[in-house]
Amino acid sequence: MAEERTVCRGIRGAITVEEDRGQQPMAQATRELLDAIVEANECRPEDLAAVIFTVTDDLAGHNPAAAAREHGFVDVPLLQVKEHAGEPHVARCLRVLLLWNTTSTQSQIKHVYLKGAATLRPDLGRESAESGTGGRP
């Protein structure tokens, strides 16, 4: 039997933000996405090495990292960057990459794409929709 060892794996996710008006819609989308990823993978914030957020350039000045802190991701290093307009482009899109210290294999990782962001990775969106963890309209 192979020995289980902890490695750092990446979990990808994305969600579209309903509207660009203040921090509240961003905070809500950030919580929804993080909750779905944590639930799908049964991971805990204390097992995360880091979380990297990107936002499209049409989400002016909103801060998903601050929303994550308010949602309990206190001891996790967080980074936020703004994407430049390019392809594929989904309007008002928040993406995240969680670096997770885990014994799970790469094939066991469940990536989560919610709402309009499911179009970025239809292959993962279908898989997430079937398991009830993502790809929702």
N, C-alpha and C. Protein backbone atom coordinates (compact mmCIF):
# COMPACT_ATOMS: atom_id res chain seq x y z
N MET A 1 0.84 -1.19 0.00
CA MET A 1 0.00 0.00 0.00
C MET A 1 0.88 1.25 0.00
N ALA A 2 0.54 2.18 -0.87
CA ALA A 2 1.34 3.40 -0.98
C ALA A 2 1.13 4.30 0.24
N GLU A 3 2.18 4.93 0.64
CA GLU A 3 2.12 5.85 1.79
C GLU A 3 1.48 7.17 1.35
N GLU A 4 0.54 7.66 2.17
CA GLU A 4 -0.06 8.96 1.89
C GLU A 4 0.91 10.05 2.30
N ARG A 5 1.07 11.03 1.45
CA ARG A 5 1.91 12.16 1.80
C ARG A 5 1.20 13.45 1.44
N THR A 6 1.49 14.45 2.21
CA THR A 6 0.89 15.75 1.98
C THR A 6 1.65 16.47 0.88
N VAL A 7 0.91 16.98 -0.09
CA VAL A 7 1.47 17.78 -1.17
C VAL A 7 0.61 19.03 -1.33
N CYS A 8 1.10 19.98 -2.07
CA CYS A 8 0.33 21.20 -2.33
C CYS A 8 -0.35 21.05 -3.69
N ARG A 9 -1.67 21.11 -3.70
CA ARG A 9 -2.47 20.99 -4.93
C ARG A 9 -3.23 22.29 -5.18
N GLY A 10 -3.47 22.58 -6.42
CA GLY A 10 -4.24 23.77 -6.79
C GLY A 10 -5.69 23.44 -7.03
N ILE A 11 -6.57 24.25 -6.47
CA ILE A 11 -8.00 24.16 -6.73
C ILE A 11 -8.41 25.45 -7.43
N ARG A 12 -8.97 25.32 -8.63
CA ARG A 12 -9.41 26.49 -9.39
C ARG A 12 -10.90 26.72 -9.19
N GLY A 13 -11.27 27.98 -9.28
CA GLY A 13 -12.68 28.31 -9.22
C GLY A 13 -12.93 29.68 -9.81
N ALA A 14 -14.17 29.92 -10.19
CA ALA A 14 -14.55 31.23 -10.72
C ALA A 14 -16.05 31.42 -10.55
N ILE A 15 -16.43 32.68 -10.49
CA ILE A 15 -17.84 33.05 -10.37
C ILE A 15 -18.00 34.43 -11.01
N THR A 16 -19.17 34.67 -11.54
CA THR A 16 -19.45 36.03 -12.02
C THR A 16 -20.15 36.80 -10.90
N VAL A 17 -19.85 38.08 -10.83
CA VAL A 17 -20.42 38.97 -9.83
C VAL A 17 -21.65 39.62 -10.46
N GLU A 18 -22.77 39.58 -9.75
CA GLU A 18 -24.04 40.05 -10.29
C GLU A 18 -23.96 41.45 -10.88
N GLU A 19 -23.40 42.39 -10.13
CA GLU A 19 -23.31 43.76 -10.62
C GLU A 19 -22.12 44.45 -9.96
N ASP A 20 -21.66 45.48 -10.60
CA ASP A 20 -20.50 46.22 -10.09
C ASP A 20 -20.98 47.46 -9.35
N ARG A 21 -21.49 47.26 -8.15
CA ARG A 21 -21.95 48.39 -7.34
C ARG A 21 -21.54 48.14 -5.89
N GLY A 22 -20.43 48.71 -5.52
CA GLY A 22 -19.97 48.59 -4.15
C GLY A 22 -19.35 47.24 -3.82
N GLN A 23 -18.92 47.10 -2.59
CA GLN A 23 -18.22 45.91 -2.15
C GLN A 23 -19.17 44.74 -1.88
N GLN A 24 -20.44 44.99 -1.56
CA GLN A 24 -21.35 43.92 -1.17
C GLN A 24 -21.49 42.80 -2.20
N PRO A 25 -21.75 43.10 -3.49
CA PRO A 25 -21.86 41.99 -4.46
C PRO A 25 -20.56 41.18 -4.56
N MET A 26 -19.41 41.84 -4.46
CA MET A 26 -18.13 41.12 -4.50
C MET A 26 -17.98 40.22 -3.28
N ALA A 27 -18.32 40.74 -2.11
CA ALA A 27 -18.22 39.95 -0.88
C ALA A 27 -19.14 38.73 -0.96
N GLN A 28 -20.34 38.92 -1.45
CA GLN A 28 -21.28 37.80 -1.57
C GLN A 28 -20.76 36.75 -2.55
N ALA A 29 -20.27 37.18 -3.70
CA ALA A 29 -19.74 36.23 -4.69
C ALA A 29 -18.51 35.50 -4.14
N THR A 30 -17.64 36.22 -3.43
CA THR A 30 -16.44 35.60 -2.84
C THR A 30 -16.84 34.53 -1.84
N ARG A 31 -17.77 34.83 -0.97
CA ARG A 31 -18.23 33.83 0.02
C ARG A 31 -18.85 32.62 -0.67
N GLU A 32 -19.69 32.86 -1.66
CA GLU A 32 -20.36 31.76 -2.37
C GLU A 32 -19.33 30.84 -3.03
N LEU A 33 -18.35 31.43 -3.69
CA LEU A 33 -17.33 30.63 -4.37
C LEU A 33 -16.46 29.86 -3.38
N LEU A 34 -15.97 30.54 -2.35
CA LEU A 34 -15.13 29.86 -1.37
C LEU A 34 -15.90 28.75 -0.65
N ASP A 35 -17.15 29.01 -0.28
CA ASP A 35 -17.95 27.98 0.38
C ASP A 35 -18.12 26.75 -0.52
N ALA A 36 -18.39 26.97 -1.81
CA ALA A 36 -18.58 25.85 -2.73
C ALA A 36 -17.29 25.04 -2.89
N ILE A 37 -16.15 25.71 -2.97
CA ILE A 37 -14.87 25.01 -3.11
C ILE A 37 -14.54 24.23 -1.85
N VAL A 38 -14.71 24.85 -0.69
CA VAL A 38 -14.42 24.19 0.58
C VAL A 38 -15.32 22.97 0.75
N GLU A 39 -16.60 23.12 0.44
CA GLU A 39 -17.54 22.01 0.57
C GLU A 39 -17.21 20.88 -0.41
N ALA A 40 -16.95 21.21 -1.65
CA ALA A 40 -16.69 20.19 -2.67
C ALA A 40 -15.43 19.38 -2.36
N ASN A 41 -14.44 20.03 -1.76
CA ASN A 41 -13.15 19.37 -1.53
C ASN A 41 -12.91 18.98 -0.07
N GLU A 42 -13.85 19.35 0.79
CA GLU A 42 -13.71 19.08 2.22
C GLU A 42 -12.36 19.57 2.75
N CYS A 43 -12.03 20.79 2.36
CA CYS A 43 -10.77 21.39 2.83
C CYS A 43 -11.08 22.45 3.88
N ARG A 44 -10.08 22.77 4.66
CA ARG A 44 -10.23 23.78 5.71
C ARG A 44 -9.27 24.93 5.42
N PRO A 45 -9.67 26.15 5.74
CA PRO A 45 -8.78 27.29 5.49
C PRO A 45 -7.39 27.11 6.11
N GLU A 46 -7.30 26.47 7.27
CA GLU A 46 -5.98 26.30 7.90
C GLU A 46 -5.07 25.34 7.14
N ASP A 47 -5.61 24.60 6.16
CA ASP A 47 -4.78 23.71 5.34
C ASP A 47 -4.35 24.36 4.02
N LEU A 48 -4.69 25.64 3.85
CA LEU A 48 -4.34 26.33 2.61
C LEU A 48 -2.98 27.00 2.75
N ALA A 49 -2.14 26.82 1.74
CA ALA A 49 -0.83 27.47 1.71
C ALA A 49 -0.99 28.93 1.29
N ALA A 50 -1.91 29.19 0.37
CA ALA A 50 -2.15 30.56 -0.12
C ALA A 50 -3.39 30.55 -0.99
N VAL A 51 -3.96 31.74 -1.19
CA VAL A 51 -5.11 31.92 -2.08
C VAL A 51 -4.80 33.11 -2.98
N ILE A 52 -4.98 32.91 -4.28
CA ILE A 52 -4.72 33.96 -5.27
C ILE A 52 -6.04 34.29 -5.97
N PHE A 53 -6.44 35.55 -5.89
CA PHE A 53 -7.66 36.02 -6.55
C PHE A 53 -7.27 36.84 -7.77
N THR A 54 -8.06 36.73 -8.84
CA THR A 54 -7.97 37.68 -9.94
C THR A 54 -9.37 38.19 -10.23
N VAL A 55 -9.46 39.43 -10.64
CA VAL A 55 -10.73 40.03 -11.02
C VAL A 55 -10.58 40.67 -12.39
N THR A 56 -11.63 40.62 -13.17
CA THR A 56 -11.59 41.26 -14.48
C THR A 56 -11.56 42.77 -14.31
N ASP A 57 -11.11 43.45 -15.34
CA ASP A 57 -10.90 44.89 -15.25
C ASP A 57 -12.20 45.68 -15.12
N ASP A 58 -13.35 45.03 -15.30
CA ASP A 58 -14.63 45.74 -15.15
C ASP A 58 -15.17 45.67 -13.71
N LEU A 59 -14.40 45.11 -12.79
CA LEU A 59 -14.76 45.13 -11.36
C LEU A 59 -13.86 46.15 -10.68
N ALA A 60 -14.28 47.38 -10.73
CA ALA A 60 -13.47 48.51 -10.30
C ALA A 60 -13.28 48.57 -8.79
N GLY A 61 -12.07 48.32 -8.36
CA GLY A 61 -11.68 48.59 -6.99
C GLY A 61 -12.27 47.71 -5.91
N HIS A 62 -12.93 46.63 -6.25
CA HIS A 62 -13.51 45.76 -5.23
C HIS A 62 -12.48 44.73 -4.78
N ASN A 63 -12.60 44.27 -3.55
CA ASN A 63 -11.53 43.51 -2.94
C ASN A 63 -11.99 42.13 -2.43
N PRO A 64 -11.83 41.07 -3.25
CA PRO A 64 -12.22 39.75 -2.77
C PRO A 64 -11.33 39.26 -1.62
N ALA A 65 -10.09 39.70 -1.56
CA ALA A 65 -9.22 39.28 -0.46
C ALA A 65 -9.76 39.79 0.87
N ALA A 66 -10.26 41.02 0.90
CA ALA A 66 -10.86 41.55 2.13
C ALA A 66 -12.11 40.76 2.49
N ALA A 67 -12.90 40.39 1.50
CA ALA A 67 -14.10 39.59 1.75
C ALA A 67 -13.73 38.22 2.30
N ALA A 68 -12.66 37.63 1.79
CA ALA A 68 -12.20 36.32 2.28
C ALA A 68 -11.75 36.43 3.74
N ARG A 69 -11.05 37.49 4.07
CA ARG A 69 -10.62 37.71 5.47
C ARG A 69 -11.84 37.79 6.39
N GLU A 70 -12.84 38.56 5.97
CA GLU A 70 -14.06 38.70 6.76
C GLU A 70 -14.82 37.39 6.88
N HIS A 71 -14.58 36.48 5.94
CA HIS A 71 -15.28 35.18 5.90
C HIS A 71 -14.49 34.08 6.63
N GLY A 72 -13.40 34.45 7.29
CA GLY A 72 -12.69 33.48 8.11
C GLY A 72 -11.35 33.02 7.58
N PHE A 73 -10.94 33.50 6.43
CA PHE A 73 -9.63 33.13 5.87
C PHE A 73 -8.57 34.07 6.45
N VAL A 74 -8.38 34.02 7.78
CA VAL A 74 -7.56 35.00 8.47
C VAL A 74 -6.07 34.71 8.43
N ASP A 75 -5.68 33.46 8.57
CA ASP A 75 -4.26 33.12 8.64
C ASP A 75 -3.69 32.63 7.32
N VAL A 76 -4.43 32.81 6.26
CA VAL A 76 -4.02 32.35 4.93
C VAL A 76 -3.41 33.52 4.17
N PRO A 77 -2.22 33.36 3.59
CA PRO A 77 -1.70 34.43 2.74
C PRO A 77 -2.62 34.61 1.51
N LEU A 78 -3.01 35.84 1.25
CA LEU A 78 -3.92 36.15 0.14
C LEU A 78 -3.24 37.13 -0.81
N LEU A 79 -3.52 36.94 -2.09
CA LEU A 79 -3.00 37.84 -3.12
C LEU A 79 -4.14 38.14 -4.07
N GLN A 80 -4.22 39.39 -4.51
CA GLN A 80 -5.25 39.79 -5.46
C GLN A 80 -4.60 40.56 -6.60
N VAL A 81 -4.97 40.20 -7.82
CA VAL A 81 -4.47 40.91 -9.00
C VAL A 81 -5.63 41.20 -9.95
N LYS A 82 -5.45 42.22 -10.77
CA LYS A 82 -6.45 42.57 -11.77
C LYS A 82 -6.03 41.99 -13.11
N GLU A 83 -6.96 41.34 -13.79
CA GLU A 83 -6.70 40.76 -15.11
C GLU A 83 -6.76 41.86 -16.16
N HIS A 84 -6.01 41.69 -17.23
CA HIS A 84 -6.19 42.59 -18.37
C HIS A 84 -7.22 41.96 -19.29
N ALA A 85 -7.89 42.78 -20.07
CA ALA A 85 -8.91 42.28 -20.99
C ALA A 85 -8.25 41.34 -21.99
N GLY A 86 -8.79 40.19 -22.14
CA GLY A 86 -8.25 39.20 -23.07
C GLY A 86 -9.24 38.08 -23.26
N GLU A 87 -8.83 37.06 -23.92
CA GLU A 87 -9.71 35.92 -24.19
C GLU A 87 -9.28 34.74 -23.34
N PRO A 88 -10.19 33.89 -22.87
CA PRO A 88 -11.62 34.15 -22.93
C PRO A 88 -12.01 35.16 -21.88
N HIS A 89 -12.93 36.03 -22.24
CA HIS A 89 -13.34 37.09 -21.32
C HIS A 89 -14.78 36.85 -20.88
N VAL A 90 -14.99 36.86 -19.60
CA VAL A 90 -16.32 36.80 -19.02
C VAL A 90 -16.46 38.06 -18.17
N ALA A 91 -17.52 38.80 -18.40
CA ALA A 91 -17.72 40.06 -17.69
C ALA A 91 -17.88 39.85 -16.19
N ARG A 92 -17.32 40.79 -15.41
CA ARG A 92 -17.43 40.80 -13.95
C ARG A 92 -17.10 39.43 -13.34
N CYS A 93 -15.92 38.94 -13.68
CA CYS A 93 -15.53 37.59 -13.26
C CYS A 93 -14.47 37.63 -12.16
N LEU A 94 -14.71 36.85 -11.13
CA LEU A 94 -13.77 36.65 -10.04
C LEU A 94 -13.24 35.22 -10.17
N ARG A 95 -11.92 35.09 -10.24
CA ARG A 95 -11.30 33.76 -10.29
C ARG A 95 -10.45 33.58 -9.04
N VAL A 96 -10.24 32.32 -8.69
CA VAL A 96 -9.43 32.03 -7.50
C VAL A 96 -8.62 30.76 -7.74
N LEU A 97 -7.45 30.75 -7.16
CA LEU A 97 -6.61 29.55 -7.12
C LEU A 97 -6.23 29.34 -5.66
N LEU A 98 -6.72 28.25 -5.09
CA LEU A 98 -6.37 27.89 -3.72
C LEU A 98 -5.23 26.88 -3.77
N LEU A 99 -4.18 27.12 -3.04
CA LEU A 99 -3.07 26.18 -2.93
C LEU A 99 -3.28 25.41 -1.63
N TRP A 100 -3.61 24.13 -1.76
CA TRP A 100 -4.11 23.31 -0.65
C TRP A 100 -3.11 22.23 -0.29
N ASN A 101 -2.70 22.19 0.96
CA ASN A 101 -1.85 21.12 1.47
C ASN A 101 -2.75 19.94 1.80
N THR A 102 -2.60 18.83 1.06
CA THR A 102 -3.55 17.74 1.14
C THR A 102 -2.90 16.40 0.80
N THR A 103 -3.59 15.33 1.16
CA THR A 103 -3.18 13.99 0.73
C THR A 103 -4.01 13.55 -0.48
N SER A 104 -4.96 14.38 -0.91
CA SER A 104 -5.79 14.07 -2.08
C SER A 104 -4.93 14.02 -3.34
N THR A 105 -5.31 13.18 -4.27
CA THR A 105 -4.62 13.12 -5.55
C THR A 105 -5.16 14.23 -6.45
N GLN A 106 -4.43 14.53 -7.51
CA GLN A 106 -4.86 15.57 -8.45
C GLN A 106 -6.23 15.24 -9.03
N SER A 107 -6.49 13.96 -9.31
CA SER A 107 -7.78 13.59 -9.89
C SER A 107 -8.94 13.70 -8.91
N GLN A 108 -8.66 13.79 -7.62
CA GLN A 108 -9.71 13.95 -6.62
C GLN A 108 -10.10 15.41 -6.39
N ILE A 109 -9.31 16.33 -6.91
CA ILE A 109 -9.59 17.76 -6.72
C ILE A 109 -10.83 18.14 -7.53
N LYS A 110 -11.73 18.88 -6.91
CA LYS A 110 -12.94 19.34 -7.59
C LYS A 110 -12.85 20.85 -7.79
N HIS A 111 -12.73 21.26 -9.03
CA HIS A 111 -12.69 22.67 -9.39
C HIS A 111 -14.13 23.16 -9.53
N VAL A 112 -14.38 24.41 -9.18
CA VAL A 112 -15.76 24.91 -9.10
C VAL A 112 -15.90 26.18 -9.94
N TYR A 113 -16.79 26.12 -10.92
CA TYR A 113 -17.09 27.28 -11.77
C TYR A 113 -18.58 27.55 -11.66
N LEU A 114 -18.93 28.73 -11.15
CA LEU A 114 -20.32 29.06 -10.86
C LEU A 114 -20.84 30.16 -11.77
N LYS A 115 -22.14 30.14 -11.97
CA LYS A 115 -22.86 31.15 -12.74
C LYS A 115 -22.26 31.31 -14.13
N GLY A 116 -22.08 32.53 -14.62
CA GLY A 116 -21.56 32.75 -15.97
C GLY A 116 -20.13 32.29 -16.17
N ALA A 117 -19.39 32.11 -15.08
CA ALA A 117 -18.00 31.66 -15.19
C ALA A 117 -17.90 30.21 -15.62
N ALA A 118 -18.99 29.45 -15.57
CA ALA A 118 -18.98 28.06 -16.01
C ALA A 118 -18.61 27.96 -17.49
N THR A 119 -18.80 29.04 -18.26
CA THR A 119 -18.46 29.02 -19.68
C THR A 119 -16.95 29.01 -19.92
N LEU A 120 -16.18 29.40 -18.90
CA LEU A 120 -14.72 29.40 -19.05
C LEU A 120 -14.17 27.98 -19.17
N ARG A 121 -14.77 27.07 -18.45
CA ARG A 121 -14.35 25.66 -18.47
C ARG A 121 -15.58 24.78 -18.50
N PRO A 122 -16.23 24.66 -19.66
CA PRO A 122 -17.45 23.86 -19.73
C PRO A 122 -17.23 22.42 -19.28
N ASP A 123 -16.05 21.90 -19.51
CA ASP A 123 -15.76 20.53 -19.08
C ASP A 123 -15.83 20.41 -17.57
N LEU A 124 -15.28 21.38 -16.85
CA LEU A 124 -15.32 21.37 -15.39
C LEU A 124 -16.68 21.82 -14.87
N GLY A 125 -17.34 22.71 -15.59
CA GLY A 125 -18.66 23.16 -15.18
C GLY A 125 -19.66 22.02 -15.19
N ARG A 126 -19.61 21.16 -16.22
CA ARG A 126 -20.51 20.01 -16.27
C ARG A 126 -20.23 19.08 -15.09
N GLU A 127 -18.96 18.79 -14.86
CA GLU A 127 -18.59 17.90 -13.76
C GLU A 127 -19.06 18.48 -12.43
N SER A 128 -18.87 19.80 -12.25
CA SER A 128 -19.31 20.45 -11.01
C SER A 128 -20.82 20.40 -10.89
N ALA A 129 -21.53 20.61 -12.01
CA ALA A 129 -22.99 20.61 -11.98
C ALA A 129 -23.51 19.23 -11.60
N GLU A 130 -22.89 18.18 -12.13
CA GLU A 130 -23.33 16.82 -11.82
C GLU A 130 -23.15 16.49 -10.35
N SER A 131 -22.09 17.02 -9.75
CA SER A 131 -21.84 16.72 -8.33
C SER A 131 -22.57 17.72 -7.43
N GLY A 132 -23.23 18.71 -8.03
CA GLY A 132 -23.98 19.69 -7.25
C GLY A 132 -23.10 20.79 -6.67
N THR A 133 -21.86 20.93 -7.18
CA THR A 133 -20.96 21.91 -6.58
C THR A 133 -20.65 23.09 -7.47
N GLY A 134 -21.16 23.13 -8.66
CA GLY A 134 -20.82 24.27 -9.50
C GLY A 134 -21.50 24.20 -10.85
N GLY A 135 -21.06 25.08 -11.73
CA GLY A 135 -21.63 25.13 -13.06
C GLY A 135 -23.07 25.61 -13.05
N ARG A 136 -23.52 26.16 -11.94
CA ARG A 136 -24.91 26.62 -11.85
C ARG A 136 -25.08 27.91 -12.63
N PRO A 137 -26.24 28.05 -13.29
CA PRO A 137 -26.50 29.30 -14.01
C PRO A 137 -26.68 30.47 -13.08
